Amino acid sequence: MAKSPKISASHEPGGLIVHISGLLPSLSPAEQRVARLVVADPADAARRTITDLATAAETSEATVIRFCRSVGMDGYPQLRIRLAAEAARRIEPPDARVVGGDIPPGADLAQIIATIAFNDARAVEETAEQLDPAVCEQVVEAIGAAGRIDVYGAGASGFVASDFQQKLHRIGRTAFYFPDVHTALTSAALLGRGDVAVGISHTGTTSDVIEVLEQARARGATTVALTNFPRSPITEVADHVLTTAARETTYRSGAMASRLAQLTVVDCLFVGVAARNRAKARKALEATAEAVQSHRVGAGRRRA
């Protein structure tokens, strides 16, 4: 099965800044400096001449041109136009102290709360904007028809993988999550055609998840990657690639936002699968809810 088509910058659904952020790790160090200036303040970058931007990024005008081409632009004039349009539609933080979504030194708790809430909300909104419905539909179809689904993830992404497995299991899908890489590899080795393997990695560079997904693909399973970066290594072993749009910030609050962005995609897939057979999914959810009902305080069991 072929990989999903690459989205060009001329029609990226989540906006140019989301597109550039996703490509950041694949750029050269000099191009990354240009990218960070552009992402941090699109309006300011749009006002700059190519010489000004190159100087601010401590690089050459030729590097700025290479950056433009790396992100799908024909040249710097097109980049400036697109950045101006992006700045016009950009959602600003409701709290004026939340600058760039980052947490500055000396921030009080009110500012920390406002910043984290802004980052989390922006990650969910931008993830939804750039999520490709056609690819989601293909993944939902594959999961809905799968004989078995394995979900893999490590660290924070492991929590999301576990959540997805539990959701699928509750609607009657045969799904597994293995936090240990050795167990995950032995499970992947037993997959075959008609099965689905989902690998979740924010960076797309987690070797354990890549290795397991590669094993599953070698056995004939349909592989799905969920990552923040569309050119990351995990996409090379995936038949379908789904992306999030969370940004890294101080104290790794971006990692917190990435988890919410991943859960947004997982929820979309889960509801998509459930909606294909509403009656069966509803019956399974009711049965599983009833099974644990007696363990809830106030439902047939009171505190002593």
Protein backbone atom coordinates (compact mmCIF):
# COMPACT_ATOMS: atom_id res chain seq x y z
CA MET A 1 0.00 0.00 0.00
CA ALA A 2 1.46 3.37 -0.96
CA LYS A 3 2.17 6.13 1.49
CA SER A 4 -0.21 9.04 1.66
CA PRO A 5 0.66 11.82 -0.77
CA LYS A 6 2.85 14.67 0.38
CA ILE A 7 0.99 17.91 1.06
CA SER A 8 2.55 20.84 -0.74
CA ALA A 9 2.80 24.27 0.85
CA SER A 10 0.45 25.73 -1.75
CA HIS A 11 -2.54 24.08 -0.11
CA GLU A 12 -1.51 22.92 3.35
CA PRO A 13 -4.80 22.71 5.29
CA GLY A 14 -3.47 23.79 8.68
CA GLY A 15 -1.76 26.99 7.55
CA LEU A 16 1.78 27.87 6.53
CA ILE A 17 3.14 28.20 10.09
CA VAL A 18 1.90 24.72 11.03
CA HIS A 19 3.43 23.41 7.80
CA ILE A 20 6.82 25.02 8.53
CA SER A 21 6.79 23.84 12.16
CA GLY A 22 6.24 20.27 11.00
CA LEU A 23 9.18 20.45 8.60
CA LEU A 24 11.57 22.08 11.09
CA PRO A 25 13.62 18.96 12.03
CA SER A 26 14.22 18.12 8.36
CA LEU A 27 15.75 21.53 7.58
CA SER A 28 19.45 22.38 7.74
CA PRO A 29 20.66 24.24 10.88
CA ALA A 30 20.83 27.55 8.98
CA GLU A 31 17.35 27.04 7.51
CA GLN A 32 16.05 26.19 10.99
CA ARG A 33 17.18 29.61 12.23
CA VAL A 34 15.15 31.23 9.47
CA ALA A 35 12.19 28.97 10.23
CA ARG A 36 12.18 29.85 13.93
CA LEU A 37 12.07 33.58 13.16
CA VAL A 38 9.20 33.04 10.73
CA VAL A 39 7.21 30.83 13.10
CA ALA A 40 7.77 33.11 16.12
CA ASP A 41 6.45 36.24 14.37
CA PRO A 42 5.00 35.84 10.86
CA ALA A 43 3.95 39.50 10.66
CA ASP A 44 7.46 40.75 11.47
CA ALA A 45 9.04 38.31 9.00
CA ALA A 46 6.62 39.43 6.26
CA ARG A 47 7.76 43.04 6.72
CA ARG A 48 11.43 42.21 6.38
CA THR A 49 13.43 42.28 3.17
CA ILE A 50 15.34 39.13 2.32
CA THR A 51 18.53 40.84 3.50
CA ASP A 52 16.94 41.80 6.84
CA LEU A 53 15.66 38.27 7.44
CA ALA A 54 19.02 36.72 6.52
CA THR A 55 20.83 39.09 8.89
CA ALA A 56 18.40 38.38 11.75
CA ALA A 57 18.88 34.64 11.23
CA GLU A 58 22.67 35.05 11.01
CA THR A 59 22.78 33.45 7.60
CA SER A 60 22.91 34.33 3.90
CA GLU A 61 20.26 35.41 1.42
CA ALA A 62 20.94 32.19 -0.50
CA THR A 63 19.97 30.19 2.60
CA VAL A 64 16.69 32.11 2.84
CA ILE A 65 15.97 31.18 -0.78
CA ARG A 66 16.78 27.53 -0.03
CA PHE A 67 14.47 27.70 2.98
CA CYS A 68 11.65 29.03 0.77
CA ARG A 69 12.05 26.11 -1.60
CA SER A 70 12.33 23.59 1.24
CA VAL A 71 8.90 24.62 2.52
CA GLY A 72 7.33 24.64 -0.95
CA MET A 73 7.58 28.32 -1.89
CA ASP A 74 8.77 29.48 -5.33
CA GLY A 75 10.79 32.26 -3.76
CA TYR A 76 10.94 34.95 -1.09
CA PRO A 77 8.21 37.22 -2.56
CA GLN A 78 5.70 34.36 -2.34
CA LEU A 79 6.80 33.61 1.23
CA ARG A 80 6.25 37.24 2.29
CA ILE A 81 2.75 37.27 0.79
CA ARG A 82 1.82 34.00 2.48
CA LEU A 83 3.24 35.16 5.82
CA ALA A 84 1.25 38.40 5.67
CA ALA A 85 -1.92 36.40 5.03
CA GLU A 86 -1.04 34.00 7.85
CA ALA A 87 -0.46 36.87 10.27
CA ALA A 88 -3.87 38.31 9.42
CA ARG A 89 -5.65 35.08 10.35
CA ARG A 90 -3.47 34.17 13.32
CA ILE A 91 -5.23 33.63 16.65
CA GLU A 92 -3.70 35.85 19.32
CA PRO A 93 -3.51 34.80 22.99
CA PRO A 94 -6.38 36.22 25.09
CA ASP A 95 -3.83 37.24 27.76
CA ALA A 96 -1.37 39.89 26.53
CA ARG A 97 1.35 38.35 28.72
CA VAL A 98 1.22 35.13 26.71
CA VAL A 99 3.77 36.05 24.07
CA GLY A 100 4.54 33.43 21.45
CA GLY A 101 2.99 30.73 23.62
CA ASP A 102 6.19 30.51 25.68
CA ILE A 103 6.69 30.65 29.47
CA PRO A 104 9.20 33.42 30.28
CA PRO A 105 11.49 33.45 33.35
CA GLY A 106 9.74 34.83 36.42
CA ALA A 107 6.24 34.03 35.17
CA ASP A 108 3.65 33.92 37.93
CA LEU A 109 1.16 31.08 38.24
CA ALA A 110 -1.61 33.04 36.52
CA GLN A 111 0.62 33.56 33.49
CA ILE A 112 1.67 29.89 33.52
CA ILE A 113 -1.98 28.81 33.56
CA ALA A 114 -2.86 31.19 30.71
CA THR A 115 0.13 30.07 28.63
CA ILE A 116 -0.48 26.34 29.04
CA ALA A 117 -4.20 26.77 28.31
CA PHE A 118 -3.34 28.74 25.17
CA ASN A 119 -0.78 26.16 24.00
CA ASP A 120 -3.15 23.26 24.59
CA ALA A 121 -6.09 24.92 22.86
CA ARG A 122 -3.94 25.99 19.91
CA ALA A 123 -2.49 22.49 19.52
CA VAL A 124 -5.96 20.93 19.35
CA GLU A 125 -7.33 23.58 16.96
CA GLU A 126 -4.35 23.52 14.60
CA THR A 127 -4.23 19.73 14.64
CA ALA A 128 -7.89 19.58 13.60
CA GLU A 129 -7.32 22.18 10.86
CA GLN A 130 -4.44 20.30 9.24
CA LEU A 131 -5.76 16.74 9.71
CA ASP A 132 -6.42 15.14 6.32
CA PRO A 133 -9.96 13.66 6.27
CA ALA A 134 -9.10 11.41 3.32
CA VAL A 135 -6.19 9.77 5.18
CA CYS A 136 -8.31 9.50 8.34
CA GLU A 137 -11.00 7.75 6.30
CA GLN A 138 -8.46 5.23 4.97
CA VAL A 139 -7.19 4.52 8.49
CA VAL A 140 -10.72 4.18 9.89
CA GLU A 141 -11.59 1.76 7.09
CA ALA A 142 -8.46 -0.32 7.75
CA ILE A 143 -9.08 -0.46 11.52
CA GLY A 144 -12.76 -1.23 11.05
CA ALA A 145 -11.95 -4.22 8.86
CA ALA A 146 -8.88 -5.40 10.80
CA GLY A 147 -8.75 -8.80 12.41
CA ARG A 148 -6.41 -7.37 15.04
CA ILE A 149 -4.95 -3.96 15.90
CA ASP A 150 -1.63 -3.38 17.66
CA VAL A 151 -0.88 0.10 19.03
CA TYR A 152 2.68 1.14 19.92
CA GLY A 153 4.08 4.15 21.76
CA ALA A 154 6.78 5.07 24.28
CA GLY A 155 6.89 7.64 27.06
CA ALA A 156 4.08 10.23 26.84
CA SER A 157 3.00 8.74 23.50
CA GLY A 158 2.64 5.41 25.28
CA PHE A 159 -0.18 6.85 27.39
CA VAL A 160 -1.96 7.86 24.19
CA ALA A 161 -1.37 4.42 22.68
CA SER A 162 -2.85 2.79 25.78
CA ASP A 163 -5.88 5.11 25.63
CA PHE A 164 -6.48 4.23 21.97
CA GLN A 165 -6.23 0.49 22.66
CA GLN A 166 -8.72 0.77 25.51
CA LYS A 167 -11.18 2.75 23.38
CA LEU A 168 -11.03 0.21 20.55
CA HIS A 169 -11.37 -2.69 22.97
CA ARG A 170 -14.51 -1.15 24.48
CA ILE A 171 -16.32 -1.22 21.13
CA GLY A 172 -15.41 -4.83 20.49
CA ARG A 173 -12.29 -4.43 18.38
CA THR A 174 -9.44 -6.85 19.11
CA ALA A 175 -6.69 -4.41 20.07
CA PHE A 176 -3.44 -4.65 22.03
CA TYR A 177 -0.91 -2.24 23.51
CA PHE A 178 2.51 -3.43 24.71
CA PRO A 179 4.66 -0.92 26.65
CA ASP A 180 7.66 -3.27 26.56
CA VAL A 181 9.50 -3.19 23.21
CA HIS A 182 10.41 -6.91 23.31
CA THR A 183 6.78 -7.91 23.84
CA ALA A 184 5.71 -5.44 21.17
CA LEU A 185 8.19 -6.94 18.69
CA THR A 186 7.00 -10.50 19.32
CA SER A 187 3.41 -9.33 18.84
CA ALA A 188 4.26 -7.49 15.63
CA ALA A 189 5.97 -10.61 14.31
CA LEU A 190 2.61 -12.44 14.49
CA LEU A 191 0.65 -9.83 12.54
CA GLY A 192 -0.30 -10.40 8.94
CA ARG A 193 -2.40 -9.11 6.07
CA GLY A 194 -5.66 -7.70 7.29
CA ASP A 195 -4.15 -6.57 10.59
CA VAL A 196 -3.27 -2.99 11.49
CA ALA A 197 -0.31 -1.61 13.46
CA VAL A 198 -0.40 1.98 14.76
CA GLY A 199 2.83 3.68 15.88
CA ILE A 200 2.60 6.91 17.88
CA SER A 201 5.66 9.16 18.26
CA HIS A 202 5.59 12.94 18.63
CA THR A 203 9.08 13.41 17.19
CA GLY A 204 8.80 10.49 14.78
CA THR A 205 12.31 9.43 15.79
CA THR A 206 11.63 7.00 18.67
CA SER A 207 13.64 3.95 17.59
CA ASP A 208 11.57 1.42 19.57
CA VAL A 209 8.33 2.46 17.89
CA ILE A 210 9.93 2.64 14.45
CA GLU A 211 11.45 -0.83 14.84
CA VAL A 212 8.16 -2.40 15.90
CA LEU A 213 6.22 -0.70 13.11
CA GLU A 214 8.83 -1.88 10.60
CA GLN A 215 8.43 -5.45 11.88
CA ALA A 216 4.65 -5.24 11.51
CA ARG A 217 4.96 -3.93 7.97
CA ALA A 218 7.38 -6.68 7.03
CA ARG A 219 4.73 -9.21 8.12
CA GLY A 220 2.14 -7.66 5.82
CA ALA A 221 0.16 -5.57 8.29
CA THR A 222 -1.14 -2.13 7.34
CA THR A 223 0.94 0.43 9.24
CA VAL A 224 -0.14 3.83 10.51
CA ALA A 225 2.12 6.54 11.94
CA LEU A 226 0.91 9.40 14.14
CA THR A 227 3.60 12.08 14.46
CA ASN A 228 4.11 15.83 14.61
CA PHE A 229 6.68 15.84 11.81
CA PRO A 230 5.70 14.60 8.33
CA ARG A 231 9.30 14.02 7.19
CA SER A 232 10.43 12.13 10.30
CA PRO A 233 11.86 8.57 10.10
CA ILE A 234 8.66 6.86 11.31
CA THR A 235 6.84 7.96 8.14
CA GLU A 236 9.21 5.79 6.08
CA VAL A 237 7.71 2.60 7.57
CA ALA A 238 4.08 3.73 7.46
CA ASP A 239 1.41 3.15 4.82
CA HIS A 240 -0.65 6.00 6.25
CA VAL A 241 0.67 9.10 8.00
CA LEU A 242 -1.40 11.27 10.33
CA THR A 243 0.09 14.44 11.80
CA THR A 244 -0.47 16.64 14.82
CA ALA A 245 0.41 20.34 15.16
CA ALA A 246 1.86 20.87 18.65
CA ARG A 247 4.77 23.23 19.27
CA GLU A 248 7.62 22.76 21.74
CA THR A 249 7.96 25.51 24.37
CA THR A 250 9.66 26.15 27.71
CA TYR A 251 9.43 23.41 30.38
CA ARG A 252 8.23 21.04 27.62
CA SER A 253 4.70 22.40 27.82
CA GLY A 254 4.76 21.62 24.09
CA ALA A 255 5.10 17.94 25.07
CA MET A 256 1.95 18.34 27.16
CA ALA A 257 0.19 19.93 24.20
CA SER A 258 1.42 17.16 21.91
CA ARG A 259 -0.34 14.59 24.08
CA LEU A 260 -3.64 16.46 23.74
CA ALA A 261 -3.10 16.82 20.00
CA GLN A 262 -2.49 13.07 19.70
CA LEU A 263 -5.60 12.32 21.74
CA THR A 264 -7.59 14.56 19.39
CA VAL A 265 -6.55 12.41 16.42
CA VAL A 266 -7.13 9.20 18.38
CA ASP A 267 -10.64 10.34 19.32
CA CYS A 268 -11.42 11.17 15.67
CA LEU A 269 -10.34 7.68 14.60
CA PHE A 270 -12.22 6.01 17.46
CA VAL A 271 -15.48 7.80 16.72
CA GLY A 272 -15.01 7.13 13.01
CA VAL A 273 -14.66 3.39 13.65
CA ALA A 274 -17.59 3.34 16.09
CA ALA A 275 -19.83 5.27 13.67
CA ARG A 276 -19.40 2.59 11.01
CA ASN A 277 -21.43 0.20 13.15
CA ARG A 278 -23.32 2.36 15.63
CA ALA A 279 -25.60 -0.37 16.95
CA LYS A 280 -22.75 -2.78 17.68
CA ALA A 281 -20.56 -0.03 19.19
CA ARG A 282 -23.38 1.25 21.40
CA LYS A 283 -24.17 -2.26 22.63
CA ALA A 284 -20.50 -2.89 23.44
CA LEU A 285 -20.14 0.43 25.28
CA GLU A 286 -23.27 -0.24 27.30
CA ALA A 287 -22.09 -3.76 28.21
CA THR A 288 -18.64 -2.59 29.31
CA ALA A 289 -20.08 0.34 31.27
CA GLU A 290 -22.50 -1.99 33.04
CA ALA A 291 -19.67 -4.38 33.92
CA VAL A 292 -17.93 -1.73 36.05
CA GLN A 293 -21.04 0.07 37.30
CA SER A 294 -21.03 -1.70 40.67
CA HIS A 295 -17.53 -0.33 41.33
CA ARG A 296 -18.76 3.27 41.31
CA VAL A 297 -19.67 4.90 44.63
CA GLY A 298 -23.38 5.72 44.74
CA ALA A 299 -24.35 3.04 42.22
CA GLY A 300 -25.34 0.10 44.40
CA ARG A 301 -22.34 0.48 46.65
CA ARG A 302 -21.90 3.11 49.38
CA ARG A 303 -18.96 4.13 51.47
CA ALA A 304 -19.04 2.63 54.97
